Amino acid sequence: KNAPDYEVFIWDGTGADILIEGRGILASIDIAIKPKIEDVRQLKNGIGVIEENWGRKPDLLIIYSRSGIIPKKVADFADRMGVKIVRKPAEIRKILDESK
């Protein structure tokens, strides 16, 4: 409701918990209490499944840390893999808005 330009979809498939689409962008988002390297891998591995079922690849891969804790080794790995990690839902909106 705070981002009317985007639609949020629950994703039951591999890799992500939700998909956010809008303004020509598709974001694949994993929600974790405290992100792990496996969460990053899972998000990356789900790209093909999302493309096959949604009809396009995600433009953005994001992990939302519900606890706000992001271990350094996970942050470094995510950065190398092109996955963004955020601590607040507002950060997701900011990334989406900046990716137009």
N, C-alpha and C. Protein backbone atom coordinates (compact mmCIF):
# COMPACT_ATOMS: atom_id res chain seq x y z
N LYS A 1 0.82 -1.19 0.00
CA LYS A 1 0.00 0.00 0.00
C LYS A 1 0.86 1.26 0.00
N ASN A 2 2.11 1.14 0.46
CA ASN A 2 3.01 2.29 0.47
C ASN A 2 3.78 2.43 -0.85
N ALA A 3 3.56 1.51 -1.77
CA ALA A 3 4.24 1.56 -3.06
C ALA A 3 3.25 1.19 -4.16
N PRO A 4 2.32 2.10 -4.49
CA PRO A 4 1.26 1.75 -5.44
C PRO A 4 1.75 1.45 -6.85
N ASP A 5 2.98 1.81 -7.18
CA ASP A 5 3.52 1.53 -8.51
C ASP A 5 3.97 0.08 -8.67
N TYR A 6 3.93 -0.67 -7.59
CA TYR A 6 4.42 -2.05 -7.60
C TYR A 6 3.36 -3.02 -7.09
N GLU A 7 3.38 -4.23 -7.63
CA GLU A 7 2.51 -5.30 -7.14
C GLU A 7 3.38 -6.36 -6.48
N VAL A 8 2.91 -6.90 -5.37
CA VAL A 8 3.63 -7.93 -4.65
C VAL A 8 2.89 -9.25 -4.83
N PHE A 9 3.65 -10.29 -5.18
CA PHE A 9 3.09 -11.61 -5.39
C PHE A 9 3.80 -12.62 -4.51
N ILE A 10 3.04 -13.46 -3.82
CA ILE A 10 3.62 -14.57 -3.06
C ILE A 10 4.12 -15.59 -4.09
N TRP A 11 5.34 -16.04 -3.94
CA TRP A 11 5.94 -16.99 -4.88
C TRP A 11 6.10 -18.33 -4.17
N ASP A 12 5.45 -19.35 -4.68
CA ASP A 12 5.55 -20.68 -4.08
C ASP A 12 6.64 -21.52 -4.71
N GLY A 13 7.32 -20.98 -5.69
CA GLY A 13 8.34 -21.73 -6.39
C GLY A 13 9.70 -21.65 -5.71
N THR A 14 10.67 -22.19 -6.40
CA THR A 14 12.04 -22.23 -5.91
C THR A 14 12.66 -20.84 -5.91
N GLY A 15 13.47 -20.57 -4.92
CA GLY A 15 14.33 -19.40 -4.94
C GLY A 15 13.87 -18.18 -4.19
N ALA A 16 12.61 -17.83 -4.24
CA ALA A 16 12.16 -16.58 -3.65
C ALA A 16 10.92 -16.80 -2.80
N ASP A 17 10.64 -15.84 -1.95
CA ASP A 17 9.41 -15.86 -1.16
C ASP A 17 8.35 -14.97 -1.80
N ILE A 18 8.81 -13.84 -2.36
CA ILE A 18 7.88 -12.94 -3.05
C ILE A 18 8.53 -12.40 -4.31
N LEU A 19 7.67 -11.98 -5.24
CA LEU A 19 8.10 -11.26 -6.43
C LEU A 19 7.42 -9.90 -6.39
N ILE A 20 8.14 -8.89 -6.78
CA ILE A 20 7.57 -7.55 -6.87
C ILE A 20 7.75 -7.08 -8.31
N GLU A 21 6.63 -6.64 -8.90
CA GLU A 21 6.68 -6.21 -10.29
C GLU A 21 6.07 -4.82 -10.42
N GLY A 22 6.69 -4.01 -11.25
CA GLY A 22 6.17 -2.68 -11.52
C GLY A 22 7.23 -1.81 -12.16
N ARG A 23 6.76 -0.80 -12.90
CA ARG A 23 7.66 0.12 -13.58
C ARG A 23 8.67 -0.60 -14.47
N GLY A 24 8.25 -1.73 -15.04
CA GLY A 24 9.12 -2.49 -15.93
C GLY A 24 10.18 -3.32 -15.22
N ILE A 25 10.08 -3.45 -13.90
CA ILE A 25 11.08 -4.18 -13.11
C ILE A 25 10.42 -5.39 -12.46
N LEU A 26 11.16 -6.48 -12.41
CA LEU A 26 10.74 -7.66 -11.66
C LEU A 26 11.84 -7.97 -10.64
N ALA A 27 11.46 -7.99 -9.37
CA ALA A 27 12.41 -8.28 -8.30
C ALA A 27 12.04 -9.59 -7.62
N SER A 28 13.03 -10.41 -7.41
CA SER A 28 12.88 -11.67 -6.69
C SER A 28 13.42 -11.44 -5.28
N ILE A 29 12.59 -11.72 -4.27
CA ILE A 29 12.98 -11.39 -2.90
C ILE A 29 12.85 -12.60 -1.99
N ASP A 30 13.92 -12.86 -1.26
CA ASP A 30 13.93 -13.90 -0.24
C ASP A 30 13.88 -13.20 1.12
N ILE A 31 13.06 -13.72 2.01
CA ILE A 31 12.94 -13.16 3.35
C ILE A 31 13.60 -14.12 4.32
N ALA A 32 14.56 -13.63 5.08
CA ALA A 32 15.29 -14.47 6.03
C ALA A 32 15.38 -13.75 7.37
N ILE A 33 15.39 -14.53 8.44
CA ILE A 33 15.61 -13.93 9.76
C ILE A 33 17.03 -13.36 9.79
N LYS A 34 18.00 -14.20 9.52
CA LYS A 34 19.41 -13.81 9.46
C LYS A 34 19.97 -14.49 8.20
N PRO A 35 20.27 -13.73 7.16
CA PRO A 35 20.70 -14.32 5.89
C PRO A 35 21.93 -15.21 6.03
N LYS A 36 21.90 -16.27 5.20
CA LYS A 36 23.01 -17.21 5.13
C LYS A 36 23.47 -17.29 3.68
N ILE A 37 24.65 -17.82 3.46
CA ILE A 37 25.15 -18.01 2.10
C ILE A 37 24.18 -18.85 1.29
N GLU A 38 23.57 -19.83 1.91
CA GLU A 38 22.60 -20.68 1.22
C GLU A 38 21.41 -19.86 0.71
N ASP A 39 21.01 -18.82 1.41
CA ASP A 39 19.91 -17.96 0.95
C ASP A 39 20.30 -17.26 -0.36
N VAL A 40 21.54 -16.82 -0.45
CA VAL A 40 22.04 -16.18 -1.67
C VAL A 40 22.03 -17.18 -2.81
N ARG A 41 22.54 -18.37 -2.57
CA ARG A 41 22.56 -19.42 -3.60
C ARG A 41 21.15 -19.78 -4.05
N GLN A 42 20.25 -19.90 -3.10
CA GLN A 42 18.86 -20.26 -3.40
C GLN A 42 18.22 -19.21 -4.31
N LEU A 43 18.46 -17.95 -4.02
CA LEU A 43 17.92 -16.87 -4.84
C LEU A 43 18.48 -16.93 -6.26
N LYS A 44 19.79 -17.14 -6.37
CA LYS A 44 20.42 -17.25 -7.68
C LYS A 44 19.91 -18.47 -8.44
N ASN A 45 19.78 -19.59 -7.76
CA ASN A 45 19.33 -20.82 -8.41
C ASN A 45 17.88 -20.75 -8.87
N GLY A 46 17.09 -19.88 -8.27
CA GLY A 46 15.68 -19.76 -8.63
C GLY A 46 15.42 -18.92 -9.86
N ILE A 47 16.43 -18.28 -10.41
CA ILE A 47 16.23 -17.40 -11.56
C ILE A 47 15.57 -18.14 -12.72
N GLY A 48 16.07 -19.31 -13.05
CA GLY A 48 15.53 -20.07 -14.19
C GLY A 48 14.09 -20.49 -13.98
N VAL A 49 13.75 -20.89 -12.76
CA VAL A 49 12.38 -21.30 -12.46
C VAL A 49 11.43 -20.12 -12.60
N ILE A 50 11.85 -18.97 -12.11
CA ILE A 50 11.02 -17.77 -12.22
C ILE A 50 10.85 -17.40 -13.69
N GLU A 51 11.94 -17.43 -14.45
CA GLU A 51 11.85 -17.10 -15.87
C GLU A 51 10.90 -18.05 -16.60
N GLU A 52 11.01 -19.32 -16.30
CA GLU A 52 10.17 -20.32 -16.95
C GLU A 52 8.69 -20.11 -16.62
N ASN A 53 8.38 -19.80 -15.38
CA ASN A 53 6.99 -19.68 -14.95
C ASN A 53 6.43 -18.26 -15.07
N TRP A 54 7.26 -17.26 -14.99
CA TRP A 54 6.79 -15.87 -15.01
C TRP A 54 6.93 -15.27 -16.41
N GLY A 55 7.83 -15.87 -17.20
CA GLY A 55 8.02 -15.37 -18.56
C GLY A 55 9.17 -14.40 -18.71
N ARG A 56 9.86 -14.13 -17.64
CA ARG A 56 11.04 -13.26 -17.70
C ARG A 56 11.93 -13.48 -16.48
N LYS A 57 13.19 -13.13 -16.64
CA LYS A 57 14.14 -13.21 -15.53
C LYS A 57 13.94 -12.02 -14.60
N PRO A 58 14.19 -12.22 -13.32
CA PRO A 58 14.15 -11.08 -12.40
C PRO A 58 15.28 -10.10 -12.73
N ASP A 59 14.96 -8.82 -12.62
CA ASP A 59 15.96 -7.78 -12.83
C ASP A 59 16.79 -7.56 -11.57
N LEU A 60 16.17 -7.82 -10.42
CA LEU A 60 16.82 -7.60 -9.14
C LEU A 60 16.67 -8.82 -8.25
N LEU A 61 17.71 -9.12 -7.51
CA LEU A 61 17.69 -10.18 -6.51
C LEU A 61 17.98 -9.53 -5.17
N ILE A 62 17.04 -9.70 -4.23
CA ILE A 62 17.16 -9.01 -2.95
C ILE A 62 16.85 -9.98 -1.81
N ILE A 63 17.64 -9.90 -0.76
CA ILE A 63 17.34 -10.63 0.48
C ILE A 63 17.00 -9.60 1.54
N TYR A 64 15.86 -9.80 2.17
CA TYR A 64 15.43 -8.93 3.26
C TYR A 64 15.73 -9.64 4.58
N SER A 65 16.59 -9.03 5.39
CA SER A 65 16.96 -9.56 6.69
C SER A 65 15.99 -9.03 7.74
N ARG A 66 15.10 -9.87 8.21
CA ARG A 66 14.10 -9.43 9.19
C ARG A 66 14.73 -9.02 10.51
N SER A 67 15.84 -9.62 10.87
CA SER A 67 16.50 -9.29 12.13
C SER A 67 17.38 -8.04 11.99
N GLY A 68 17.70 -7.70 10.76
CA GLY A 68 18.62 -6.59 10.53
C GLY A 68 20.08 -7.02 10.62
N ILE A 69 20.30 -8.27 10.98
CA ILE A 69 21.67 -8.80 11.09
C ILE A 69 22.10 -9.34 9.73
N ILE A 70 23.26 -8.88 9.27
CA ILE A 70 23.80 -9.36 8.00
C ILE A 70 25.27 -9.72 8.24
N PRO A 71 25.57 -11.02 8.35
CA PRO A 71 26.96 -11.42 8.56
C PRO A 71 27.85 -10.94 7.40
N LYS A 72 29.04 -10.48 7.74
CA LYS A 72 29.96 -9.92 6.74
C LYS A 72 30.25 -10.91 5.62
N LYS A 73 30.48 -12.18 5.95
CA LYS A 73 30.81 -13.14 4.88
C LYS A 73 29.63 -13.32 3.93
N VAL A 74 28.41 -13.22 4.45
CA VAL A 74 27.22 -13.32 3.60
C VAL A 74 27.09 -12.07 2.74
N ALA A 75 27.31 -10.90 3.32
CA ALA A 75 27.25 -9.64 2.57
C ALA A 75 28.28 -9.62 1.44
N ASP A 76 29.48 -10.08 1.72
CA ASP A 76 30.54 -10.12 0.70
C ASP A 76 30.17 -11.08 -0.42
N PHE A 77 29.68 -12.27 -0.06
CA PHE A 77 29.29 -13.27 -1.05
C PHE A 77 28.14 -12.74 -1.90
N ALA A 78 27.13 -12.14 -1.25
CA ALA A 78 25.98 -11.60 -1.97
C ALA A 78 26.43 -10.52 -2.96
N ASP A 79 27.32 -9.67 -2.53
CA ASP A 79 27.82 -8.61 -3.41
C ASP A 79 28.48 -9.20 -4.65
N ARG A 80 29.31 -10.22 -4.46
CA ARG A 80 29.96 -10.88 -5.59
C ARG A 80 28.95 -11.54 -6.53
N MET A 81 27.83 -11.98 -5.99
CA MET A 81 26.81 -12.69 -6.78
C MET A 81 25.74 -11.75 -7.34
N GLY A 82 25.84 -10.46 -7.05
CA GLY A 82 24.87 -9.50 -7.57
C GLY A 82 23.55 -9.48 -6.82
N VAL A 83 23.58 -9.92 -5.56
CA VAL A 83 22.38 -9.95 -4.71
C VAL A 83 22.50 -8.83 -3.68
N LYS A 84 21.44 -8.05 -3.56
CA LYS A 84 21.42 -6.98 -2.57
C LYS A 84 20.77 -7.50 -1.29
N ILE A 85 21.28 -7.07 -0.14
CA ILE A 85 20.69 -7.44 1.14
C ILE A 85 20.25 -6.15 1.84
N VAL A 86 19.01 -6.16 2.33
CA VAL A 86 18.45 -4.98 2.98
C VAL A 86 17.97 -5.33 4.39
N ARG A 87 17.85 -4.28 5.22
CA ARG A 87 17.41 -4.45 6.60
C ARG A 87 15.97 -3.97 6.82
N LYS A 88 15.46 -3.15 5.91
CA LYS A 88 14.12 -2.57 6.08
C LYS A 88 13.35 -2.66 4.77
N PRO A 89 12.03 -2.84 4.86
CA PRO A 89 11.22 -2.86 3.62
C PRO A 89 11.38 -1.58 2.79
N ALA A 90 11.58 -0.44 3.45
CA ALA A 90 11.75 0.82 2.72
C ALA A 90 12.98 0.78 1.81
N GLU A 91 13.98 -0.01 2.20
CA GLU A 91 15.17 -0.13 1.37
C GLU A 91 14.85 -0.87 0.07
N ILE A 92 13.90 -1.79 0.13
CA ILE A 92 13.48 -2.50 -1.09
C ILE A 92 12.88 -1.48 -2.06
N ARG A 93 11.99 -0.65 -1.56
CA ARG A 93 11.35 0.38 -2.40
C ARG A 93 12.41 1.29 -3.00
N LYS A 94 13.38 1.69 -2.21
CA LYS A 94 14.44 2.57 -2.71
C LYS A 94 15.21 1.92 -3.85
N ILE A 95 15.55 0.65 -3.69
CA ILE A 95 16.27 -0.08 -4.74
C ILE A 95 15.42 -0.17 -6.01
N LEU A 96 14.13 -0.47 -5.84
CA LEU A 96 13.24 -0.55 -7.00
C LEU A 96 13.15 0.81 -7.70
N ASP A 97 12.96 1.87 -6.94
CA ASP A 97 12.84 3.20 -7.53
C ASP A 97 14.11 3.63 -8.24
N GLU A 98 15.26 3.25 -7.71
CA GLU A 98 16.54 3.64 -8.32
C GLU A 98 16.89 2.79 -9.53
N SER A 99 16.18 1.69 -9.74
CA SER A 99 16.49 0.76 -10.82
C SER A 99 15.71 1.01 -12.10
N LYS A 100 14.92 2.07 -12.14
CA LYS A 100 14.10 2.34 -13.32
C LYS A 100 14.94 2.57 -14.53
